[in-house]
Amino acid sequence: MFRMWGKIWKDNHLIKDTVICQTDYSMSRTNMVFQSLDDICYEFDLGKPIWLSSNINDFKRHAKTRFTKDSFIEQIDFDYLEIEVIEE
């Protein structure tokens, strides 16, 4: 089972979190990551963040990355959105 944990942080406090499970193994891992991020953003009522090169590098190394205000087109009222793969 592929699970991704999405967390919204503000002032070093966890504001919201959710876990998204993907069970469709006909998708590639990359597609599961993108679909999970879409589901997290839908649940938190956020626009989809832009993957910057720093996000890509962090995610490749640690299966975890943070999207700050630079990754979002609209104004956000939190410090960052963090996603992390917790089970594959």
PDB file of N, CA and C in Angstrom:
ATOM      1  N   MET A   1       0.841  -1.171   0.000  1.00  0.00           N
ATOM      2  CA  MET A   1       0.000   0.000   0.000  1.00  0.00           C
ATOM      3  C   MET A   1       0.890   1.240   0.000  1.00  0.00           C
ATOM      4  N   PHE A   2       0.568   2.186  -0.855  1.00  0.00           N
ATOM      5  CA  PHE A   2       1.295   3.452  -0.936  1.00  0.00           C
ATOM      6  C   PHE A   2       0.544   4.481  -0.095  1.00  0.00           C
ATOM      7  N   ARG A   3       1.222   5.050   0.900  1.00  0.00           N
ATOM      8  CA  ARG A   3       0.592   6.058   1.752  1.00  0.00           C
ATOM      9  C   ARG A   3       1.458   7.304   1.797  1.00  0.00           C
ATOM     10  N   MET A   4       0.803   8.450   1.686  1.00  0.00           N
ATOM     11  CA  MET A   4       1.498   9.729   1.777  1.00  0.00           C
ATOM     12  C   MET A   4       0.838  10.573   2.869  1.00  0.00           C
ATOM     13  N   TRP A   5       1.691  11.178   3.679  1.00  0.00           N
ATOM     14  CA  TRP A   5       1.245  12.008   4.786  1.00  0.00           C
ATOM     15  C   TRP A   5       1.417  13.463   4.380  1.00  0.00           C
ATOM     16  N   GLY A   6       0.341  14.225   4.413  1.00  0.00           N
ATOM     17  CA  GLY A   6       0.391  15.650   4.127  1.00  0.00           C
ATOM     18  C   GLY A   6       0.173  16.438   5.401  1.00  0.00           C
ATOM     19  N   LYS A   7       1.030  17.470   5.632  1.00  0.00           N
ATOM     20  CA  LYS A   7       0.955  18.249   6.872  1.00  0.00           C
ATOM     21  C   LYS A   7       1.076  19.736   6.548  1.00  0.00           C
ATOM     22  N   ILE A   8       0.257  20.543   7.191  1.00  0.00           N
ATOM     23  CA  ILE A   8       0.367  21.997   7.093  1.00  0.00           C
ATOM     24  C   ILE A   8       0.939  22.515   8.401  1.00  0.00           C
ATOM     25  N   TRP A   9       2.015  23.305   8.292  1.00  0.00           N
ATOM     26  CA  TRP A   9       2.731  23.834   9.455  1.00  0.00           C
ATOM     27  C   TRP A   9       2.656  25.362   9.471  1.00  0.00           C
ATOM     28  N   LYS A  10       2.473  25.910  10.657  1.00  0.00           N
ATOM     29  CA  LYS A  10       2.542  27.358  10.857  1.00  0.00           C
ATOM     30  C   LYS A  10       3.163  27.626  12.215  1.00  0.00           C
ATOM     31  N   ASP A  11       4.175  28.467  12.242  1.00  0.00           N
ATOM     32  CA  ASP A  11       4.887  28.817  13.478  1.00  0.00           C
ATOM     33  C   ASP A  11       5.333  27.575  14.252  1.00  0.00           C
ATOM     34  N   ASN A  12       5.883  26.596  13.540  1.00  0.00           N
ATOM     35  CA  ASN A  12       6.373  25.344  14.117  1.00  0.00           C
ATOM     36  C   ASN A  12       5.289  24.525  14.821  1.00  0.00           C
ATOM     37  N   HIS A  13       4.041  24.703  14.425  1.00  0.00           N
ATOM     38  CA  HIS A  13       2.930  23.913  14.959  1.00  0.00           C
ATOM     39  C   HIS A  13       2.219  23.232  13.800  1.00  0.00           C
ATOM     40  N   LEU A  14       1.861  21.986  14.019  1.00  0.00           N
ATOM     41  CA  LEU A  14       1.097  21.242  13.036  1.00  0.00           C
ATOM     42  C   LEU A  14      -0.347  21.734  13.088  1.00  0.00           C
ATOM     43  N   ILE A  15      -0.829  22.267  11.969  1.00  0.00           N
ATOM     44  CA  ILE A  15      -2.177  22.821  11.909  1.00  0.00           C
ATOM     45  C   ILE A  15      -3.175  21.772  11.418  1.00  0.00           C
ATOM     46  N   LYS A  16      -2.847  21.097  10.311  1.00  0.00           N
ATOM     47  CA  LYS A  16      -3.707  20.059   9.732  1.00  0.00           C
ATOM     48  C   LYS A  16      -2.827  18.944   9.209  1.00  0.00           C
ATOM     49  N   ASP A  17      -3.371  17.750   9.187  1.00  0.00           N
ATOM     50  CA  ASP A  17      -2.661  16.650   8.536  1.00  0.00           C
ATOM     51  C   ASP A  17      -3.671  15.646   8.010  1.00  0.00           C
ATOM     52  N   THR A  18      -3.223  14.856   7.059  1.00  0.00           N
ATOM     53  CA  THR A  18      -4.040  13.808   6.478  1.00  0.00           C
ATOM     54  C   THR A  18      -3.132  12.742   5.899  1.00  0.00           C
ATOM     55  N   VAL A  19      -3.650  11.547   5.776  1.00  0.00           N
ATOM     56  CA  VAL A  19      -2.930  10.447   5.136  1.00  0.00           C
ATOM     57  C   VAL A  19      -3.756   9.980   3.952  1.00  0.00           C
ATOM     58  N   ILE A  20      -3.121   9.910   2.800  1.00  0.00           N
ATOM     59  CA  ILE A  20      -3.767   9.466   1.573  1.00  0.00           C
ATOM     60  C   ILE A  20      -3.210   8.092   1.203  1.00  0.00           C
ATOM     61  N   CYS A  21      -4.107   7.156   0.937  1.00  0.00           N
ATOM     62  CA  CYS A  21      -3.711   5.799   0.551  1.00  0.00           C
ATOM     63  C   CYS A  21      -4.024   5.581  -0.922  1.00  0.00           C
ATOM     64  N   GLN A  22      -3.074   5.022  -1.643  1.00  0.00           N
ATOM     65  CA  GLN A  22      -3.267   4.660  -3.047  1.00  0.00           C
ATOM     66  C   GLN A  22      -3.170   3.146  -3.147  1.00  0.00           C
ATOM     67  N   THR A  23      -4.178   2.540  -3.716  1.00  0.00           N
ATOM     68  CA  THR A  23      -4.179   1.082  -3.847  1.00  0.00           C
ATOM     69  C   THR A  23      -4.176   0.635  -5.300  1.00  0.00           C
ATOM     70  N   ASP A  24      -4.162   1.585  -6.230  1.00  0.00           N
ATOM     71  CA  ASP A  24      -4.152   1.262  -7.660  1.00  0.00           C
ATOM     72  C   ASP A  24      -2.706   1.071  -8.107  1.00  0.00           C
ATOM     73  N   TYR A  25      -2.248  -0.175  -8.088  1.00  0.00           N
ATOM     74  CA  TYR A  25      -0.851  -0.445  -8.413  1.00  0.00           C
ATOM     75  C   TYR A  25      -0.587  -0.529  -9.906  1.00  0.00           C
ATOM     76  N   SER A  26      -1.599  -0.228 -10.723  1.00  0.00           N
ATOM     77  CA  SER A  26      -1.346  -0.133 -12.165  1.00  0.00           C
ATOM     78  C   SER A  26      -0.651   1.189 -12.484  1.00  0.00           C
ATOM     79  N   MET A  27      -0.709   2.155 -11.540  1.00  0.00           N
ATOM     80  CA  MET A  27      -0.024   3.442 -11.714  1.00  0.00           C
ATOM     81  C   MET A  27       1.444   3.299 -11.317  1.00  0.00           C
ATOM     82  N   SER A  28       2.275   4.117 -11.922  1.00  0.00           N
ATOM     83  CA  SER A  28       3.683   4.153 -11.520  1.00  0.00           C
ATOM     84  C   SER A  28       3.802   4.881 -10.183  1.00  0.00           C
ATOM     85  N   ARG A  29       4.958   4.757  -9.552  1.00  0.00           N
ATOM     86  CA  ARG A  29       5.178   5.443  -8.277  1.00  0.00           C
ATOM     87  C   ARG A  29       5.044   6.949  -8.452  1.00  0.00           C
ATOM     88  N   THR A  30       5.578   7.479  -9.545  1.00  0.00           N
ATOM     89  CA  THR A  30       5.490   8.912  -9.815  1.00  0.00           C
ATOM     90  C   THR A  30       4.041   9.360  -9.915  1.00  0.00           C
ATOM     91  N   ASN A  31       3.228   8.596 -10.622  1.00  0.00           N
ATOM     92  CA  ASN A  31       1.819   8.947 -10.743  1.00  0.00           C
ATOM     93  C   ASN A  31       1.102   8.854  -9.400  1.00  0.00           C
ATOM     94  N   MET A  32       1.489   7.885  -8.568  1.00  0.00           N
ATOM     95  CA  MET A  32       0.888   7.780  -7.234  1.00  0.00           C
ATOM     96  C   MET A  32       1.253   8.996  -6.380  1.00  0.00           C
ATOM     97  N   VAL A  33       2.490   9.478  -6.515  1.00  0.00           N
ATOM     98  CA  VAL A  33       2.912  10.667  -5.772  1.00  0.00           C
ATOM     99  C   VAL A  33       2.087  11.869  -6.208  1.00  0.00           C
ATOM    100  N   PHE A  34       1.965  12.085  -7.512  1.00  0.00           N
ATOM    101  CA  PHE A  34       1.207  13.222  -8.021  1.00  0.00           C
ATOM    102  C   PHE A  34      -0.270  13.122  -7.650  1.00  0.00           C
ATOM    103  N   GLN A  35      -0.851  11.939  -7.752  1.00  0.00           N
ATOM    104  CA  GLN A  35      -2.261  11.759  -7.394  1.00  0.00           C
ATOM    105  C   GLN A  35      -2.480  11.986  -5.903  1.00  0.00           C
ATOM    106  N   SER A  36      -1.561  11.506  -5.076  1.00  0.00           N
ATOM    107  CA  SER A  36      -1.669  11.718  -3.633  1.00  0.00           C
ATOM    108  C   SER A  36      -1.561  13.196  -3.289  1.00  0.00           C
ATOM    109  N   LEU A  37      -0.653  13.909  -3.938  1.00  0.00           N
ATOM    110  CA  LEU A  37      -0.522  15.353  -3.708  1.00  0.00           C
ATOM    111  C   LEU A  37      -1.799  16.074  -4.134  1.00  0.00           C
ATOM    112  N   ASP A  38      -2.374  15.679  -5.259  1.00  0.00           N
ATOM    113  CA  ASP A  38      -3.646  16.266  -5.704  1.00  0.00           C
ATOM    114  C   ASP A  38      -4.742  16.025  -4.666  1.00  0.00           C
ATOM    115  N   ASP A  39      -4.801  14.813  -4.120  1.00  0.00           N
ATOM    116  CA  ASP A  39      -5.815  14.479  -3.119  1.00  0.00           C
ATOM    117  C   ASP A  39      -5.608  15.282  -1.830  1.00  0.00           C
ATOM    118  N   ILE A  40      -4.354  15.456  -1.433  1.00  0.00           N
ATOM    119  CA  ILE A  40      -4.042  16.249  -0.238  1.00  0.00           C
ATOM    120  C   ILE A  40      -4.476  17.697  -0.445  1.00  0.00           C
ATOM    121  N   CYS A  41      -4.145  18.257  -1.590  1.00  0.00           N
ATOM    122  CA  CYS A  41      -4.516  19.647  -1.876  1.00  0.00           C
ATOM    123  C   CYS A  41      -6.029  19.807  -1.941  1.00  0.00           C
ATOM    124  N   TYR A  42      -6.724  18.818  -2.491  1.00  0.00           N
ATOM    125  CA  TYR A  42      -8.184  18.874  -2.539  1.00  0.00           C
ATOM    126  C   TYR A  42      -8.767  18.851  -1.127  1.00  0.00           C
ATOM    127  N   GLU A  43      -8.234  17.985  -0.279  1.00  0.00           N
ATOM    128  CA  GLU A  43      -8.738  17.881   1.087  1.00  0.00           C
ATOM    129  C   GLU A  43      -8.477  19.155   1.888  1.00  0.00           C
ATOM    130  N   PHE A  44      -7.331  19.800   1.644  1.00  0.00           N
ATOM    131  CA  PHE A  44      -6.989  21.026   2.361  1.00  0.00           C
ATOM    132  C   PHE A  44      -7.502  22.280   1.647  1.00  0.00           C
ATOM    133  N   ASP A  45      -8.176  22.112   0.507  1.00  0.00           N
ATOM    134  CA  ASP A  45      -8.695  23.221  -0.292  1.00  0.00           C
ATOM    135  C   ASP A  45      -7.568  24.185  -0.697  1.00  0.00           C
ATOM    136  N   LEU A  46      -6.522  23.607  -1.268  1.00  0.00           N
ATOM    137  CA  LEU A  46      -5.358  24.369  -1.721  1.00  0.00           C
ATOM    138  C   LEU A  46      -5.184  24.218  -3.228  1.00  0.00           C
ATOM    139  N   GLY A  47      -4.538  25.210  -3.830  1.00  0.00           N
ATOM    140  CA  GLY A  47      -4.107  25.047  -5.204  1.00  0.00           C
ATOM    141  C   GLY A  47      -2.916  24.107  -5.236  1.00  0.00           C
ATOM    142  N   LYS A  48      -2.677  23.509  -6.385  1.00  0.00           N
ATOM    143  CA  LYS A  48      -1.551  22.578  -6.485  1.00  0.00           C
ATOM    144  C   LYS A  48      -0.236  23.351  -6.501  1.00  0.00           C
ATOM    145  N   PRO A  49       0.723  22.920  -5.694  1.00  0.00           N
ATOM    146  CA  PRO A  49       2.017  23.608  -5.674  1.00  0.00           C
ATOM    147  C   PRO A  49       2.862  23.262  -6.896  1.00  0.00           C
ATOM    148  N   ILE A  50       3.789  24.140  -7.174  1.00  0.00           N
ATOM    149  CA  ILE A  50       4.740  23.936  -8.268  1.00  0.00           C
ATOM    150  C   ILE A  50       5.954  23.217  -7.709  1.00  0.00           C
ATOM    151  N   TRP A  51       6.388  22.170  -8.415  1.00  0.00           N
ATOM    152  CA  TRP A  51       7.580  21.429  -7.986  1.00  0.00           C
ATOM    153  C   TRP A  51       8.820  22.204  -8.430  1.00  0.00           C
ATOM    154  N   LEU A  52       9.534  22.793  -7.493  1.00  0.00           N
ATOM    155  CA  LEU A  52      10.799  23.464  -7.784  1.00  0.00           C
ATOM    156  C   LEU A  52      11.922  22.427  -7.731  1.00  0.00           C
ATOM    157  N   SER A  53      13.063  22.785  -8.253  1.00  0.00           N
ATOM    158  CA  SER A  53      14.167  21.815  -8.285  1.00  0.00           C
ATOM    159  C   SER A  53      14.565  21.376  -6.872  1.00  0.00           C
ATOM    160  N   SER A  54      14.464  22.268  -5.909  1.00  0.00           N
ATOM    161  CA  SER A  54      14.795  21.885  -4.524  1.00  0.00           C
ATOM    162  C   SER A  54      13.797  20.854  -3.996  1.00  0.00           C
ATOM    163  N   ASN A  55      12.526  20.984  -4.364  1.00  0.00           N
ATOM    164  CA  ASN A  55      11.523  19.992  -3.952  1.00  0.00           C
ATOM    165  C   ASN A  55      11.824  18.633  -4.567  1.00  0.00           C
ATOM    166  N   ILE A  56      12.158  18.628  -5.830  1.00  0.00           N
ATOM    167  CA  ILE A  56      12.457  17.374  -6.528  1.00  0.00           C
ATOM    168  C   ILE A  56      13.656  16.684  -5.890  1.00  0.00           C
ATOM    169  N   ASN A  57      14.718  17.448  -5.626  1.00  0.00           N
ATOM    170  CA  ASN A  57      15.923  16.871  -5.023  1.00  0.00           C
ATOM    171  C   ASN A  57      15.652  16.330  -3.615  1.00  0.00           C
ATOM    172  N   ASP A  58      14.925  17.083  -2.803  1.00  0.00           N
ATOM    173  CA  ASP A  58      14.578  16.615  -1.457  1.00  0.00           C
ATOM    174  C   ASP A  58      13.742  15.344  -1.514  1.00  0.00           C
ATOM    175  N   PHE A  59      12.768  15.311  -2.433  1.00  0.00           N
ATOM    176  CA  PHE A  59      11.889  14.158  -2.513  1.00  0.00           C
ATOM    177  C   PHE A  59      12.639  12.923  -2.997  1.00  0.00           C
ATOM    178  N   LYS A  60      13.562  13.091  -3.921  1.00  0.00           N
ATOM    179  CA  LYS A  60      14.364  11.956  -4.393  1.00  0.00           C
ATOM    180  C   LYS A  60      15.224  11.395  -3.272  1.00  0.00           C
ATOM    181  N   ARG A  61      15.794  12.261  -2.445  1.00  0.00           N
ATOM    182  CA  ARG A  61      16.704  11.821  -1.381  1.00  0.00           C
ATOM    183  C   ARG A  61      15.981  11.232  -0.174  1.00  0.00           C
ATOM    184  N   HIS A  62      14.885  11.886   0.240  1.00  0.00           N
ATOM    185  CA  HIS A  62      14.288  11.549   1.530  1.00  0.00           C
ATOM    186  C   HIS A  62      12.839  11.075   1.465  1.00  0.00           C
ATOM    187  N   ALA A  63      12.241  11.040   0.270  1.00  0.00           N
ATOM    188  CA  ALA A  63      10.808  10.729   0.097  1.00  0.00           C
ATOM    189  C   ALA A  63       9.963  11.702   0.915  1.00  0.00           C
ATOM    190  N   LYS A  64      10.446  12.954   0.998  1.00  0.00           N
ATOM    191  CA  LYS A  64       9.802  13.991   1.799  1.00  0.00           C
ATOM    192  C   LYS A  64      10.208  15.349   1.243  1.00  0.00           C
ATOM    193  N   THR A  65       9.282  16.303   1.201  1.00  0.00           N
ATOM    194  CA  THR A  65       9.625  17.650   0.772  1.00  0.00           C
ATOM    195  C   THR A  65       8.660  18.651   1.366  1.00  0.00           C
ATOM    196  N   ARG A  66       9.051  19.930   1.334  1.00  0.00           N
ATOM    197  CA  ARG A  66       8.230  21.020   1.854  1.00  0.00           C
ATOM    198  C   ARG A  66       7.958  22.014   0.726  1.00  0.00           C
ATOM    199  N   PHE A  67       6.697  22.392   0.602  1.00  0.00           N
ATOM    200  CA  PHE A  67       6.302  23.411  -0.357  1.00  0.00           C
ATOM    201  C   PHE A  67       6.041  24.699   0.415  1.00  0.00           C
ATOM    202  N   THR A  68       6.875  25.715   0.195  1.00  0.00           N
ATOM    203  CA  THR A  68       6.712  27.008   0.864  1.00  0.00           C
ATOM    204  C   THR A  68       5.880  27.932  -0.014  1.00  0.00           C
ATOM    205  N   LYS A  69       5.760  29.188   0.386  1.00  0.00           N
ATOM    206  CA  LYS A  69       4.945  30.145  -0.362  1.00  0.00           C
ATOM    207  C   LYS A  69       5.445  30.340  -1.792  1.00  0.00           C
ATOM    208  N   ASP A  70       6.719  30.064  -2.043  1.00  0.00           N
ATOM    209  CA  ASP A  70       7.275  30.196  -3.390  1.00  0.00           C
ATOM    210  C   ASP A  70       6.700  29.164  -4.358  1.00  0.00           C
ATOM    211  N   SER A  71       6.164  28.070  -3.833  1.00  0.00           N
ATOM    212  CA  SER A  71       5.627  26.996  -4.665  1.00  0.00           C
ATOM    213  C   SER A  71       4.156  27.188  -5.009  1.00  0.00           C
ATOM    214  N   PHE A  72       3.505  28.144  -4.362  1.00  0.00           N
ATOM    215  CA  PHE A  72       2.078  28.353  -4.583  1.00  0.00           C
ATOM    216  C   PHE A  72       1.847  29.649  -5.345  1.00  0.00           C
ATOM    217  N   ILE A  73       0.868  29.632  -6.225  1.00  0.00           N
ATOM    218  CA  ILE A  73       0.518  30.833  -6.980  1.00  0.00           C
ATOM    219  C   ILE A  73      -0.287  31.787  -6.113  1.00  0.00           C
ATOM    220  N   GLU A  74      -1.257  31.246  -5.364  1.00  0.00           N
ATOM    221  CA  GLU A  74      -2.082  32.093  -4.506  1.00  0.00           C
ATOM    222  C   GLU A  74      -1.397  32.304  -3.161  1.00  0.00           C
ATOM    223  N   GLN A  75      -1.906  33.266  -2.413  1.00  0.00           N
ATOM    224  CA  GLN A  75      -1.395  33.569  -1.075  1.00  0.00           C
ATOM    225  C   GLN A  75      -1.771  32.427  -0.130  1.00  0.00           C
ATOM    226  N   ILE A  76      -0.866  32.016   0.739  1.00  0.00           N
ATOM    227  CA  ILE A  76      -1.147  30.973   1.719  1.00  0.00           C
ATOM    228  C   ILE A  76      -1.040  31.561   3.123  1.00  0.00           C
ATOM    229  N   ASP A  77      -1.809  31.017   4.057  1.00  0.00           N
ATOM    230  CA  ASP A  77      -1.805  31.527   5.428  1.00  0.00           C
ATOM    231  C   ASP A  77      -1.106  30.569   6.394  1.00  0.00           C
ATOM    232  N   PHE A  78      -0.119  29.849   5.889  1.00  0.00           N
ATOM    233  CA  PHE A  78       0.681  28.932   6.700  1.00  0.00           C
ATOM    234  C   PHE A  78       2.127  29.012   6.204  1.00  0.00           C
ATOM    235  N   ASP A  79       3.038  28.376   6.928  1.00  0.00           N
ATOM    236  CA  ASP A  79       4.455  28.457   6.569  1.00  0.00           C
ATOM    237  C   ASP A  79       4.821  27.515   5.426  1.00  0.00           C
ATOM    238  N   TYR A  80       4.363  26.255   5.514  1.00  0.00           N
ATOM    239  CA  TYR A  80       4.665  25.306   4.439  1.00  0.00           C
ATOM    240  C   TYR A  80       3.757  24.099   4.503  1.00  0.00           C
ATOM    241  N   LEU A  81       3.648  23.442   3.347  1.00  0.00           N
ATOM    242  CA  LEU A  81       2.968  22.162   3.224  1.00  0.00           C
ATOM    243  C   LEU A  81       4.060  21.118   3.075  1.00  0.00           C
ATOM    244  N   GLU A  82       4.034  20.109   3.926  1.00  0.00           N
ATOM    245  CA  GLU A  82       5.038  19.049   3.888  1.00  0.00           C
ATOM    246  C   GLU A  82       4.357  17.755   3.465  1.00  0.00           C
ATOM    247  N   ILE A  83       4.983  17.047   2.517  1.00  0.00           N
ATOM    248  CA  ILE A  83       4.478  15.720   2.138  1.00  0.00           C
ATOM    249  C   ILE A  83       5.589  14.708   2.385  1.00  0.00           C
ATOM    250  N   GLU A  84       5.173  13.516   2.778  1.00  0.00           N
ATOM    251  CA  GLU A  84       6.135  12.463   3.100  1.00  0.00           C
ATOM    252  C   GLU A  84       5.512  11.108   2.774  1.00  0.00           C
ATOM    253  N   VAL A  85       6.263  10.286   2.052  1.00  0.00           N
ATOM    254  CA  VAL A  85       5.813   8.907   1.793  1.00  0.00           C
ATOM    255  C   VAL A  85       6.111   8.124   3.064  1.00  0.00           C
ATOM    256  N   ILE A  86       5.064   7.488   3.625  1.00  0.00           N
ATOM    257  CA  ILE A  86       5.275   6.768   4.894  1.00  0.00           C
ATOM    258  C   ILE A  86       5.197   5.263   4.726  1.00  0.00           C
ATOM    259  N   GLU A  87       4.721   4.786   3.575  1.00  0.00           N
ATOM    260  CA  GLU A  87       4.680   3.335   3.383  1.00  0.00           C
ATOM    261  C   GLU A  87       4.547   3.031   1.901  1.00  0.00           C
ATOM    262  N   GLU A  88       5.290   2.034   1.457  1.00  0.00           N
ATOM    263  CA  GLU A  88       5.172   1.571   0.070  1.00  0.00           C
ATOM    264  C   GLU A  88       5.033   0.073   0.059  1.00  0.00           C
TER     265      GLU A  88
END
